[in-house]
Amino acid sequence: MSTQPYQQLFHVLQAIAEIPELEINKLSSIFHPVTLTAGEHLIKAGEAPKTIGFVLSGLLRLYYLDNSGTEFTKSFCLSNEFIAAYSALLLNQPSRLFIEALEDTSLLVADYTDYQKITQEHHCWQLEHTPIKVFEIIAPLVDTPMTQGRGKGKIQPDDLVEEFWRNFSRDHYEMLIGKSKLLYLLQRFLPHLAEKIMRPGL
């Protein structure tokens, strides 16, 4: 990993944990450079996300549209940060978010499946000997302006926070919230039924 973009990724990762050079080289082999001009999208709502990105330079905005077409900005992403439509990736669903470059932006982008495979093969990626804890949360639709008019049986924000805190306080790093517990079992044992349920939304 000799070029500047990959060195930038290397320094960010090494600041989080001590990662062997061999593992860094494995990771760098799956990332490739992508450039977006201002106004271009990394992903649009309705598209199925397959990648995770690392921002080298520039500025990205994550936003969504309500039923009337009004835009709501969810967050921004700056250089040296990772970016993806995480919920859609984890649930293997179309994204509800748009990710737009607000200025010319350079990224390193990798297939998320390849990324998961590499980061699950070696203990250094688990952050076991660092003060950092990573929690993965899978939840049903939350009743917010972003999900207005979409799906049914939504979980209330207060209920989500309460269940998250219960799991967080017990160091449960993988959290299945509400109906997502049932969906997990269906995807494991009855995948065709799970897919049928997911199409109209939980």
Protein backbone atom coordinates (compact mmCIF):
# COMPACT_ATOMS: atom_id res chain seq x y z
CA MET A 1 0.00 0.00 0.00
CA SER A 2 2.29 2.74 -1.24
CA THR A 3 0.01 5.35 -2.80
CA GLN A 4 -1.30 8.31 -0.84
CA PRO A 5 -5.03 7.34 -0.73
CA TYR A 6 -4.26 3.95 0.79
CA GLN A 7 -1.76 5.47 3.22
CA GLN A 8 -4.53 7.79 4.40
CA LEU A 9 -6.80 4.79 5.05
CA PHE A 10 -3.91 3.01 6.79
CA HIS A 11 -3.26 5.90 9.20
CA VAL A 12 -6.94 6.18 10.17
CA LEU A 13 -7.19 2.45 10.88
CA GLN A 14 -3.93 2.36 12.83
CA ALA A 15 -5.18 5.19 15.03
CA ILE A 16 -8.06 2.94 16.08
CA ALA A 17 -6.18 -0.32 16.63
CA GLU A 18 -2.86 -2.01 15.94
CA ILE A 19 -3.46 -3.80 12.65
CA PRO A 20 -0.78 -5.99 11.02
CA GLU A 21 0.50 -4.83 7.65
CA LEU A 22 -0.68 -8.07 6.05
CA GLU A 23 -4.25 -7.33 7.11
CA ILE A 24 -4.00 -3.75 5.88
CA ASN A 25 -2.77 -5.04 2.52
CA LYS A 26 -5.71 -7.45 2.32
CA LEU A 27 -8.10 -4.61 2.95
CA SER A 28 -6.45 -2.27 0.48
CA SER A 29 -6.74 -4.93 -2.23
CA ILE A 30 -10.55 -4.69 -2.22
CA PHE A 31 -10.82 -0.89 -2.21
CA HIS A 32 -10.73 1.13 -5.43
CA PRO A 33 -10.77 4.90 -6.02
CA VAL A 34 -14.05 6.63 -6.88
CA THR A 35 -14.49 10.33 -7.64
CA LEU A 36 -17.80 12.19 -7.38
CA THR A 37 -18.37 15.70 -8.64
CA ALA A 38 -20.56 18.09 -6.65
CA GLY A 39 -24.20 17.02 -7.00
CA GLU A 40 -23.43 13.39 -7.89
CA HIS A 41 -24.80 10.58 -5.72
CA LEU A 42 -22.98 7.64 -4.25
CA ILE A 43 -26.38 5.98 -3.86
CA LYS A 44 -30.00 6.98 -4.33
CA ALA A 45 -33.13 5.90 -2.48
CA GLY A 46 -34.53 2.71 -3.99
CA GLU A 47 -31.13 1.34 -4.98
CA ALA A 48 -29.71 -1.72 -3.22
CA PRO A 49 -26.39 -0.76 -1.60
CA LYS A 50 -23.49 -3.15 -2.07
CA THR A 51 -20.50 -1.06 -1.04
CA ILE A 52 -18.83 0.74 1.84
CA GLY A 53 -16.72 3.83 1.25
CA PHE A 54 -13.90 5.70 2.93
CA VAL A 55 -13.86 9.45 2.29
CA LEU A 56 -10.45 10.78 1.28
CA SER A 57 -11.54 14.37 0.68
CA GLY A 58 -14.72 16.33 0.10
CA LEU A 59 -18.10 16.42 1.77
CA LEU A 60 -21.14 14.12 1.53
CA ARG A 61 -24.71 14.56 2.71
CA LEU A 62 -27.11 11.78 3.71
CA TYR A 63 -30.72 12.79 3.23
CA TYR A 64 -34.19 11.41 2.60
CA LEU A 65 -37.53 12.58 1.19
CA ASP A 66 -40.88 12.47 2.94
CA ASN A 67 -44.13 11.66 1.13
CA SER A 68 -44.51 15.24 -0.06
CA GLY A 69 -41.02 15.27 -1.53
CA THR A 70 -39.52 17.50 1.17
CA GLU A 71 -35.84 16.84 1.83
CA PHE A 72 -34.56 16.10 5.33
CA THR A 73 -30.82 16.01 5.97
CA LYS A 74 -29.86 13.11 8.24
CA SER A 75 -26.13 13.73 8.54
CA PHE A 76 -22.92 14.76 6.82
CA CYS A 77 -19.75 12.78 6.16
CA LEU A 78 -16.28 14.34 6.08
CA SER A 79 -12.83 13.14 5.09
CA ASN A 80 -11.34 10.20 7.02
CA GLU A 81 -14.80 8.77 7.74
CA PHE A 82 -16.46 5.61 6.47
CA ILE A 83 -19.79 5.92 4.69
CA ALA A 84 -22.55 3.56 3.57
CA ALA A 85 -26.29 3.10 3.67
CA TYR A 86 -25.70 0.87 6.69
CA SER A 87 -29.25 -0.17 7.59
CA ALA A 88 -30.04 -1.17 4.01
CA LEU A 89 -26.74 -3.06 3.75
CA LEU A 90 -27.36 -5.04 6.93
CA LEU A 91 -30.95 -5.87 6.03
CA ASN A 92 -30.21 -6.43 2.34
CA GLN A 93 -32.88 -3.91 1.40
CA PRO A 94 -33.13 -0.95 -0.99
CA SER A 95 -31.80 2.23 0.56
CA ARG A 96 -34.19 4.87 1.88
CA LEU A 97 -31.35 7.38 1.88
CA PHE A 98 -29.63 9.45 -0.77
CA ILE A 99 -25.89 10.02 -0.36
CA GLU A 100 -24.87 13.13 -2.31
CA ALA A 101 -21.53 14.84 -2.82
CA LEU A 102 -21.87 18.48 -1.79
CA GLU A 103 -18.47 19.22 -3.32
CA ASP A 104 -16.01 17.27 -5.44
CA THR A 105 -15.28 14.19 -3.37
CA SER A 106 -12.70 11.39 -3.55
CA LEU A 107 -13.33 8.02 -1.92
CA LEU A 108 -12.03 4.50 -1.66
CA VAL A 109 -14.93 2.07 -2.19
CA ALA A 110 -15.14 -1.68 -1.54
CA ASP A 111 -17.73 -4.39 -1.92
CA TYR A 112 -19.29 -4.78 1.53
CA THR A 113 -19.30 -8.60 1.37
CA ASP A 114 -15.54 -8.62 0.71
CA TYR A 115 -15.05 -6.08 3.49
CA GLN A 116 -17.00 -8.22 5.97
CA LYS A 117 -15.08 -11.35 5.03
CA ILE A 118 -11.68 -9.74 5.65
CA THR A 119 -12.65 -8.02 8.90
CA GLN A 120 -14.12 -11.22 10.32
CA GLU A 121 -11.03 -13.36 9.61
CA HIS A 122 -8.56 -11.78 12.06
CA HIS A 123 -8.98 -10.76 15.70
CA CYS A 124 -7.32 -7.37 15.10
CA TRP A 125 -10.51 -6.11 13.45
CA GLN A 126 -12.60 -6.94 16.50
CA LEU A 127 -11.08 -4.08 18.53
CA GLU A 128 -10.70 -6.44 21.49
CA HIS A 129 -7.75 -4.60 23.05
CA THR A 130 -8.97 -1.05 22.52
CA PRO A 131 -11.43 1.14 24.46
CA ILE A 132 -13.69 1.19 21.39
CA LYS A 133 -16.87 -0.84 21.37
CA VAL A 134 -18.81 -1.46 18.17
CA PHE A 135 -22.51 -2.28 18.35
CA GLU A 136 -24.55 -3.54 15.42
CA ILE A 137 -28.25 -2.72 15.65
CA ILE A 138 -30.97 -4.16 13.44
CA ALA A 139 -34.41 -2.72 14.10
CA PRO A 140 -37.78 -2.59 12.38
CA LEU A 141 -39.10 0.64 10.93
CA VAL A 142 -39.04 3.44 13.49
CA ASP A 143 -41.97 5.85 13.54
CA THR A 144 -40.25 9.05 12.33
CA PRO A 145 -40.88 11.60 9.55
CA MET A 146 -38.51 9.56 7.35
CA THR A 147 -40.82 6.52 7.48
CA GLN A 148 -44.13 8.40 7.30
CA GLY A 149 -46.57 6.46 5.12
CA ARG A 150 -44.20 3.49 4.78
CA GLY A 151 -44.88 0.05 6.18
CA LYS A 152 -46.82 -0.82 9.31
CA GLY A 153 -46.21 -2.06 12.84
CA LYS A 154 -43.46 0.51 13.41
CA ILE A 155 -41.58 0.74 16.65
CA GLN A 156 -41.78 3.96 18.64
CA PRO A 157 -38.49 5.88 19.13
CA ASP A 158 -38.75 5.63 22.93
CA ASP A 159 -39.18 1.85 22.73
CA LEU A 160 -36.15 1.59 20.45
CA VAL A 161 -34.01 3.64 22.84
CA GLU A 162 -35.15 1.58 25.84
CA GLU A 163 -34.32 -1.74 24.16
CA PHE A 164 -31.02 -0.39 22.86
CA TRP A 165 -29.99 0.77 26.32
CA ARG A 166 -30.88 -2.59 27.84
CA ASN A 167 -28.65 -4.36 25.29
CA PHE A 168 -25.92 -1.72 25.51
CA SER A 169 -25.65 -1.96 29.30
CA ARG A 170 -25.15 -5.72 28.98
CA ASP A 171 -22.50 -5.41 26.22
CA HIS A 172 -24.64 -7.17 23.63
CA TYR A 173 -22.73 -6.17 20.50
CA GLU A 174 -25.31 -7.51 18.04
CA MET A 175 -28.78 -6.18 18.79
CA LEU A 176 -31.97 -7.48 17.21
CA ILE A 177 -34.66 -4.98 18.18
CA GLY A 178 -38.40 -5.67 18.20
CA LYS A 179 -39.71 -7.54 15.18
CA SER A 180 -36.23 -7.93 13.73
CA LYS A 181 -35.79 -10.94 16.06
CA LEU A 182 -38.58 -12.73 14.22
CA LEU A 183 -37.25 -11.61 10.85
CA TYR A 184 -33.83 -13.04 11.69
CA LEU A 185 -35.34 -16.45 12.39
CA LEU A 186 -37.44 -16.32 9.23
CA GLN A 187 -34.43 -15.38 7.09
CA ARG A 188 -32.54 -18.31 8.57
CA PHE A 189 -35.20 -21.00 8.28
CA LEU A 190 -37.82 -19.64 5.84
CA PRO A 191 -35.95 -17.19 3.57
CA HIS A 192 -38.67 -17.06 0.89
CA LEU A 193 -41.28 -16.05 3.47
CA ALA A 194 -38.92 -13.44 4.93
CA GLU A 195 -38.38 -11.91 1.50
CA LYS A 196 -42.13 -11.78 0.91
CA ILE A 197 -42.66 -9.99 4.23
CA MET A 198 -39.85 -7.51 3.63
CA ARG A 199 -41.18 -6.29 0.28
CA PRO A 200 -44.12 -4.35 1.74
CA GLY A 201 -42.09 -3.54 4.88
CA LEU A 202 -42.38 -4.68 8.47
